[in-house]
Each structure stands twice: as structure tokens, then as C-alpha cells.
Amino acid sequence: MSILVTGGAGFIGSHLIDRLVEQEGTHVVCLDSFDDYYSPEVKRANIESALASGRMDLVEADIRDARACESVFDAHDIDRVVHLAARAGVRPSIEDPAAYVEVNCGGTVNVLEAVRRAGTVRTFVFGSSSSVYGINDKVPFSESDPVTRPISPYAATKRAGELICHVYHQLYGIPTICLRFFTVYGPRQRPDLAIHKFTRLIAEGRPIPVYGDGTSRRDYTYCGDIVDGITAAMALEPESISFEIINLGNSEPVALSELIGLMEGALGRKARVERLPDQPGDVPVTYADISKAHRLLGYEPRFPIAEGIARFVEWFERTHGRDG
């Protein structure tokens, strides 16, 4: 089995690749542009062990380059694709929406066009986001809920990506699963995301910026659980797949104030909180209904938030030092 993982050097992608290269009979192709959204050196370190295993090939290319996408399929007999490459982040998307459309929409079209031309791909997995639900008064969020009112360019491009995937499934019969990830965290998390950023600032004795009153809740999901869901989706027989959208979350929302308390406990330090106004694009709660994931994928989250935070802090202190 030959698997292409786009964005494979990133946070989720590198954890997925580590899992895949351990499987007998599996070869992985990692496509990544190593852009400077955050340190390319960090991303190279993420895949160092997988590259050394000899069971992964690295292609340095940008999904905005259609010919580069096609060349991957010319050089490799790819039968499964996990498309994770994207511009990430709600707040940065408000500052530069055009870049998000170019990468997340145009890049996804380029990958799907390459898949269509190759004709060898048996399963296509698209990494979507819980942000597509916007401000949803109904909880938990179900895949059947309306998703017509995104509140950030990032959310809009992720929903557009799902629709593009549906078009290619409808026209060309590509078996497709769109996985909506809910606030993923864990070792290698991007440094701009809350858990990583707060851990670093608390360790350094600096104030943490808290937008709002701390009552906002997120369905924090440990990266190992997300990888379980992705690999389960990839393992489905293509004949059993049409087009599916599936939530992957922990299904236990945690208030921001509670999260900070867990981080203080794991670090053994008190946080200095800087209160700031609510930010545009933020939502008050995310909460995944994971009954469909359980039914179709056998998905069962294994990492409660307290254990996940402890694992993250242990990784942080091992890689960055106790003082950040």
C-alpha cells in the first residue's frame, strides 16, 4: 500500500506518518512545502525518524503547483491519499483571506485533479475542521447540522474544500471521507496554538492572553485519537465508501479557565492572565457528536484532557526545557 500524505511534515501529518511507517507493507510519500508560517526546521525535525526508516519518500512541493502535484503520481503508484496540507488558523485568515483561498481551495483542486488523472487512488481522506459549524446553538455538533454560516475565511475555505471533494466524488467516483477535526493538541502542536503558546508563556513566567471571560469551551482532542480516526478511515474497504463527512473529537468540551488550571497543575506554576476582548472569528463552544465516527470507524477517544495535557507538558519540557 502506497499512501500520499500532503502536509505530512506538520503537526497531525507527522504523527500520522510515524504511525504508517510502522505498518508492514506500507510505503508513505510525504508532500510538504515547508513554508515559513512557522519554523521549517521544526517541521523537518518532525519527520526525521520517518525519513530515516527508509519507508517514506519526501517530496518538497507546494500544492498550489498543479504540475508538482501531478508529478507525485507519475513517480509513485499511490492508492490512498490523506490531504492535510492547508493554511491553518482562524485569526490569520482574517488578515490574509486571499492566501487561504489560494491554498485551501485552489490547492485542494490541484490535488484532486492529480488524483483524477492518475486513476489509481482507492480512498481520498480530506482533513476538514470543526470551524465549519460556526456559531452553532445546537450541541453537540452533528454532521447533519447546517453549515452555511461560517464566521472566518478559514472556516469558509474548509467548507469549500468539502464541497470540492463532493464534486470530484460525484463526477469521478472517488471514494471520499472528510474528517472534521476538533481542536487537536499534543506533542509537535503548532507554536501559535493556545495550549503550546500558553505552556511556553507560563514556563517563561510571562502573562498569557485570554480573550473573553474564560467561559468559552473547546472540544480538545489529543493527536493520538485523531490519528486513530484517520487510520480507521483509510482502512475502510473502498467499495464500502461513497462520500462521508465524519466528526473526530473528544466529545467533552472544556472551558478555557479549566484548561488553564490543568496546565498550571502539569507545569507546577501559576499562570498570569491578561484579559482581552473577544476576538473576531472565535466561537463560544465546539462539541463533537462522535456517534457516526463510532459507528463507521469504531472510533473511541482514548485520551482524557488531563492525561493529554500531562503528555504535552512532558514533551514540552523535554524538548524546550522546564523554563521554555
Protein backbone atom coordinates (compact mmCIF):
# COMPACT_ATOMS: atom_id res chain seq x y z
CA MET A 1 0.00 0.00 0.00
CA SER A 2 1.38 3.40 -1.04
CA ILE A 3 -0.03 6.42 0.76
CA LEU A 4 0.40 10.11 -0.04
CA VAL A 5 0.14 12.47 2.94
CA THR A 6 0.04 16.12 1.95
CA GLY A 7 1.22 18.48 4.67
CA GLY A 8 2.94 15.43 6.11
CA ALA A 9 5.67 17.34 7.97
CA GLY A 10 3.15 19.30 10.01
CA PHE A 11 1.68 18.55 13.41
CA ILE A 12 -1.02 16.00 12.56
CA GLY A 13 0.64 14.78 9.37
CA SER A 14 3.91 13.83 11.04
CA HIS A 15 2.14 11.85 13.77
CA LEU A 16 0.14 10.04 11.09
CA ILE A 17 3.29 9.23 9.11
CA ASP A 18 5.02 7.89 12.23
CA ARG A 19 2.09 5.50 12.65
CA LEU A 20 2.03 4.48 8.99
CA VAL A 21 5.73 3.67 8.62
CA GLU A 22 5.37 1.14 11.45
CA GLN A 23 2.89 -0.87 9.37
CA GLU A 24 4.28 -3.74 7.33
CA GLY A 25 3.73 -3.42 3.60
CA THR A 26 3.11 0.33 3.75
CA HIS A 27 5.13 2.98 1.94
CA VAL A 28 4.50 6.67 2.53
CA VAL A 29 5.07 9.70 0.33
CA CYS A 30 5.18 12.95 2.30
CA LEU A 31 4.46 16.11 0.32
CA ASP A 32 5.20 19.37 2.13
CA SER A 33 6.22 22.87 1.08
CA PHE A 34 7.98 23.70 4.39
CA ASP A 35 6.53 27.21 4.28
CA ASP A 36 7.51 29.74 6.92
CA TYR A 37 4.14 30.01 8.70
CA TYR A 38 6.22 28.54 11.49
CA SER A 39 9.79 27.23 11.54
CA PRO A 40 10.56 24.87 8.61
CA GLU A 41 13.32 23.38 10.79
CA VAL A 42 10.69 22.26 13.30
CA LYS A 43 8.76 20.51 10.52
CA ARG A 44 11.90 18.81 9.22
CA ALA A 45 12.59 17.51 12.72
CA ASN A 46 9.02 16.16 12.87
CA ILE A 47 9.70 13.68 10.05
CA GLU A 48 13.35 12.94 10.75
CA SER A 49 12.76 9.45 12.17
CA ALA A 50 10.26 8.51 9.46
CA LEU A 51 12.70 9.56 6.75
CA ALA A 52 15.47 7.57 8.40
CA SER A 53 13.27 4.46 8.39
CA GLY A 54 13.57 4.17 4.61
CA ARG A 55 9.81 3.67 4.33
CA MET A 56 8.99 7.25 3.43
CA ASP A 57 9.85 9.40 0.44
CA LEU A 58 9.87 13.17 0.83
CA VAL A 59 8.62 15.47 -1.93
CA GLU A 60 9.21 19.17 -1.28
CA ALA A 61 6.49 20.92 -3.26
CA ASP A 62 3.57 23.31 -2.92
CA ILE A 63 0.02 22.12 -3.61
CA ARG A 64 -0.53 25.41 -5.45
CA ASP A 65 1.75 23.95 -8.15
CA ALA A 66 -0.53 21.70 -10.21
CA ARG A 67 2.33 20.12 -12.15
CA ALA A 68 4.18 19.27 -8.97
CA CYS A 69 1.08 17.50 -7.68
CA GLU A 70 0.78 15.50 -10.89
CA SER A 71 4.46 14.54 -10.79
CA VAL A 72 3.98 12.80 -7.43
CA PHE A 73 1.52 10.41 -9.07
CA ASP A 74 3.79 9.99 -12.09
CA ALA A 75 6.62 8.82 -9.81
CA HIS A 76 4.60 6.75 -7.32
CA ASP A 77 1.74 4.28 -7.60
CA ILE A 78 -0.44 5.98 -4.97
CA ASP A 79 -3.57 4.13 -3.86
CA ARG A 80 -4.58 6.23 -0.83
CA VAL A 81 -4.35 9.98 -0.17
CA VAL A 82 -4.67 11.85 3.11
CA HIS A 83 -4.90 15.54 2.23
CA LEU A 84 -3.85 17.63 5.24
CA ALA A 85 -1.91 20.43 3.54
CA ALA A 86 -3.60 23.76 4.24
CA ARG A 87 -3.23 27.27 5.54
CA ALA A 88 -4.36 26.93 9.15
CA GLY A 89 -5.66 29.34 11.76
CA VAL A 90 -8.82 31.40 12.19
CA ARG A 91 -7.32 34.77 13.13
CA PRO A 92 -4.56 34.82 10.47
CA SER A 93 -7.18 34.01 7.83
CA ILE A 94 -8.98 37.26 8.63
CA GLU A 95 -5.76 39.16 7.92
CA ASP A 96 -4.95 37.38 4.65
CA PRO A 97 -8.06 35.68 3.25
CA ALA A 98 -6.76 35.51 -0.33
CA ALA A 99 -3.87 33.26 0.69
CA TYR A 100 -6.30 30.90 2.43
CA VAL A 101 -8.49 30.65 -0.65
CA GLU A 102 -5.45 30.08 -2.87
CA VAL A 103 -4.04 27.24 -0.78
CA ASN A 104 -7.09 25.61 0.80
CA CYS A 105 -9.37 25.80 -2.23
CA GLY A 106 -7.05 26.05 -5.23
CA GLY A 107 -4.53 23.63 -3.74
CA THR A 108 -7.25 21.08 -2.99
CA VAL A 109 -8.44 21.28 -6.60
CA ASN A 110 -4.87 20.63 -7.78
CA VAL A 111 -4.54 17.55 -5.56
CA LEU A 112 -7.90 16.18 -6.68
CA GLU A 113 -7.08 16.83 -10.33
CA ALA A 114 -3.89 14.82 -9.89
CA VAL A 115 -5.91 12.05 -8.24
CA ARG A 116 -8.39 12.09 -11.12
CA ARG A 117 -5.67 11.92 -13.76
CA ALA A 118 -3.82 9.09 -12.01
CA GLY A 119 -6.89 6.89 -11.64
CA THR A 120 -5.16 4.69 -9.04
CA VAL A 121 -6.47 6.17 -5.78
CA ARG A 122 -8.89 3.91 -3.91
CA THR A 123 -9.57 6.22 -0.93
CA PHE A 124 -9.29 10.00 -0.50
CA VAL A 125 -9.31 11.43 3.03
CA PHE A 126 -9.69 15.19 3.46
CA GLY A 127 -8.72 16.97 6.68
CA SER A 128 -11.56 19.37 7.45
CA SER A 129 -12.32 21.34 10.61
CA SER A 130 -14.96 21.86 13.29
CA SER A 131 -14.78 25.56 12.36
CA VAL A 132 -17.26 24.85 9.53
CA TYR A 133 -20.06 24.72 12.15
CA GLY A 134 -19.64 28.41 13.00
CA ILE A 135 -21.77 29.63 15.92
CA ASN A 136 -23.98 26.59 16.35
CA ASP A 137 -26.62 26.80 19.10
CA LYS A 138 -27.33 23.07 18.89
CA VAL A 139 -24.88 20.89 20.79
CA PRO A 140 -23.27 18.51 20.27
CA PHE A 141 -22.46 19.32 16.64
CA SER A 142 -23.70 16.67 14.23
CA GLU A 143 -22.63 16.07 10.64
CA SER A 144 -26.26 16.68 9.61
CA ASP A 145 -26.30 20.20 11.10
CA PRO A 146 -26.47 23.14 8.63
CA VAL A 147 -23.02 24.60 7.90
CA THR A 148 -23.99 27.60 5.80
CA ARG A 149 -22.78 30.39 8.10
CA PRO A 150 -19.00 30.20 8.67
CA ILE A 151 -17.55 33.17 10.56
CA SER A 152 -13.95 33.20 9.31
CA PRO A 153 -12.24 32.83 5.94
CA TYR A 154 -10.51 29.71 7.28
CA ALA A 155 -13.85 28.09 8.10
CA ALA A 156 -15.25 29.08 4.70
CA THR A 157 -12.30 27.53 2.86
CA LYS A 158 -12.61 24.28 4.82
CA ARG A 159 -16.29 24.03 3.96
CA ALA A 160 -15.43 24.85 0.35
CA GLY A 161 -12.88 22.04 0.44
CA GLU A 162 -15.57 19.59 1.50
CA LEU A 163 -17.79 20.74 -1.36
CA ILE A 164 -14.95 20.43 -3.87
CA CYS A 165 -14.33 16.89 -2.62
CA HIS A 166 -18.02 16.09 -3.12
CA VAL A 167 -17.90 17.37 -6.70
CA TYR A 168 -14.95 15.09 -7.54
CA HIS A 169 -16.68 12.15 -5.88
CA GLN A 170 -19.89 12.84 -7.80
CA LEU A 171 -18.19 13.30 -11.17
CA TYR A 172 -15.42 10.71 -10.96
CA GLY A 173 -16.48 8.26 -8.27
CA ILE A 174 -13.53 8.88 -5.95
CA PRO A 175 -14.37 7.26 -2.57
CA THR A 176 -14.01 10.19 -0.16
CA ILE A 177 -14.11 10.76 3.59
CA CYS A 178 -13.99 14.30 5.00
CA LEU A 179 -12.91 14.28 8.65
CA ARG A 180 -13.86 17.30 10.75
CA PHE A 181 -11.12 17.67 13.37
CA PHE A 182 -12.00 19.30 16.71
CA THR A 183 -9.21 21.41 18.34
CA VAL A 184 -6.31 18.99 18.03
CA TYR A 185 -3.44 19.23 20.53
CA GLY A 186 -0.44 17.22 21.64
CA PRO A 187 3.32 16.99 21.06
CA ARG A 188 4.51 18.95 17.98
CA GLN A 189 1.46 21.23 18.11
CA ARG A 190 1.98 24.47 16.19
CA PRO A 191 3.58 27.10 18.45
CA ASP A 192 0.82 29.65 17.76
CA LEU A 193 -1.98 27.44 19.10
CA ALA A 194 -3.33 28.03 22.59
CA ILE A 195 -2.02 25.03 24.52
CA HIS A 196 1.50 25.34 23.13
CA LYS A 197 1.54 29.12 23.44
CA PHE A 198 0.16 29.13 26.99
CA THR A 199 2.58 26.42 28.12
CA ARG A 200 5.53 28.39 26.81
CA LEU A 201 4.40 31.66 28.38
CA ILE A 202 3.62 30.09 31.77
CA ALA A 203 7.01 28.34 31.75
CA GLU A 204 8.72 31.66 30.99
CA GLY A 205 6.74 33.49 33.70
CA ARG A 206 5.05 35.75 31.18
CA PRO A 207 1.33 36.63 31.05
CA ILE A 208 -0.99 34.59 28.85
CA PRO A 209 -3.52 36.46 26.67
CA VAL A 210 -7.05 35.27 27.43
CA TYR A 211 -9.71 36.55 25.05
CA GLY A 212 -13.09 36.85 26.75
CA ASP A 213 -14.04 35.78 30.27
CA GLY A 214 -12.64 32.22 30.14
CA THR A 215 -16.01 30.53 29.76
CA SER A 216 -15.56 29.61 26.07
CA ARG A 217 -15.38 25.84 25.64
CA ARG A 218 -13.49 23.71 23.17
CA ASP A 219 -13.63 20.01 22.36
CA TYR A 220 -9.86 19.47 22.79
CA THR A 221 -8.82 16.26 21.04
CA TYR A 222 -5.46 14.56 21.54
CA CYS A 223 -3.43 13.95 18.37
CA GLY A 224 -3.24 10.20 19.01
CA ASP A 225 -7.03 9.97 18.88
CA ILE A 226 -7.10 11.92 15.61
CA VAL A 227 -4.53 9.55 14.09
CA ASP A 228 -6.67 6.60 15.23
CA GLY A 229 -9.61 8.11 13.34
CA ILE A 230 -7.61 8.82 10.18
CA THR A 231 -6.10 5.33 10.02
CA ALA A 232 -9.53 3.78 10.61
CA ALA A 233 -10.92 5.80 7.71
CA MET A 234 -8.05 4.68 5.48
CA ALA A 235 -8.63 1.05 6.44
CA LEU A 236 -12.22 1.01 5.19
CA GLU A 237 -12.76 -1.01 2.04
CA PRO A 238 -13.16 1.44 -0.87
CA GLU A 239 -16.22 -0.50 -2.04
CA SER A 240 -17.95 0.43 1.23
CA ILE A 241 -17.24 4.17 0.88
CA SER A 242 -19.31 6.66 -1.07
CA PHE A 243 -18.90 10.18 0.29
CA GLU A 244 -18.88 10.67 4.05
CA ILE A 245 -18.36 13.57 6.44
CA ILE A 246 -17.33 12.42 9.93
CA ASN A 247 -16.56 14.31 13.15
CA LEU A 248 -13.39 13.41 15.06
CA GLY A 249 -13.42 14.92 18.55
CA ASN A 250 -13.20 14.03 22.22
CA SER A 251 -16.89 14.89 22.79
CA GLU A 252 -16.12 16.54 26.15
CA PRO A 253 -15.88 20.36 25.85
CA VAL A 254 -13.54 22.03 28.36
CA ALA A 255 -13.81 25.66 29.50
CA LEU A 256 -10.76 27.82 28.87
CA SER A 257 -10.44 28.57 32.58
CA GLU A 258 -10.40 24.84 33.36
CA LEU A 259 -7.79 24.23 30.66
CA ILE A 260 -5.52 26.87 32.19
CA GLY A 261 -5.91 25.18 35.58
CA LEU A 262 -4.87 21.81 34.13
CA MET A 263 -1.81 23.42 32.55
CA GLU A 264 -0.87 25.11 35.83
CA GLY A 265 -1.09 21.75 37.58
CA ALA A 266 1.02 19.94 34.99
CA LEU A 267 3.66 22.69 34.96
CA GLY A 268 3.60 23.27 38.72
CA ARG A 269 3.37 27.03 38.09
CA LYS A 270 0.70 29.68 38.36
CA ALA A 271 -0.42 31.47 35.19
CA ARG A 272 -0.50 35.25 34.92
CA VAL A 273 -3.65 36.07 32.95
CA GLU A 274 -4.04 39.12 30.72
CA ARG A 275 -7.74 39.67 29.96
CA LEU A 276 -8.55 40.84 26.44
CA PRO A 277 -11.77 41.38 24.43
CA ASP A 278 -13.34 38.57 22.41
CA GLN A 279 -11.71 38.07 19.03
CA PRO A 280 -13.50 38.12 15.64
CA GLY A 281 -13.91 34.61 14.25
CA ASP A 282 -13.96 32.88 17.67
CA VAL A 283 -16.95 30.75 18.64
CA PRO A 284 -18.29 30.20 22.17
CA VAL A 285 -18.24 26.39 22.06
CA THR A 286 -17.23 23.40 19.95
CA TYR A 287 -18.64 19.99 20.82
CA ALA A 288 -18.47 16.91 18.59
CA ASP A 289 -21.19 14.32 18.23
CA ILE A 290 -18.95 11.31 17.51
CA SER A 291 -21.69 8.67 17.16
CA LYS A 292 -21.12 8.43 13.40
CA ALA A 293 -17.36 8.00 13.88
CA HIS A 294 -18.05 5.27 16.40
CA ARG A 295 -20.47 3.52 14.06
CA LEU A 296 -18.41 3.70 10.86
CA LEU A 297 -14.83 3.74 12.17
CA GLY A 298 -15.03 2.13 15.59
CA TYR A 299 -13.65 5.43 16.90
CA GLU A 300 -13.24 5.74 20.68
CA PRO A 301 -11.15 8.60 22.11
CA ARG A 302 -8.52 7.21 24.47
CA PHE A 303 -7.01 10.36 25.98
CA PRO A 304 -8.96 12.47 28.50
CA ILE A 305 -7.90 16.09 28.68
CA ALA A 306 -5.92 15.78 31.94
CA GLU A 307 -3.79 12.96 30.53
CA GLY A 308 -3.35 14.73 27.20
CA ILE A 309 -2.17 17.94 28.87
CA ALA A 310 0.26 16.00 31.05
CA ARG A 311 1.68 14.30 27.95
CA PHE A 312 2.01 17.62 26.15
CA VAL A 313 3.79 19.30 29.07
CA GLU A 314 6.16 16.34 29.42
CA TRP A 315 7.05 16.68 25.71
CA PHE A 316 7.42 20.45 26.01
CA GLU A 317 9.78 20.27 28.98
CA ARG A 318 11.80 17.52 27.31
CA THR A 319 12.24 19.46 24.07
CA HIS A 320 12.31 23.08 25.29
CA GLY A 321 13.41 22.84 28.91
CA ARG A 322 11.39 23.49 32.04
CA ASP A 323 11.73 27.27 31.57
CA GLY A 324 10.70 27.21 27.91
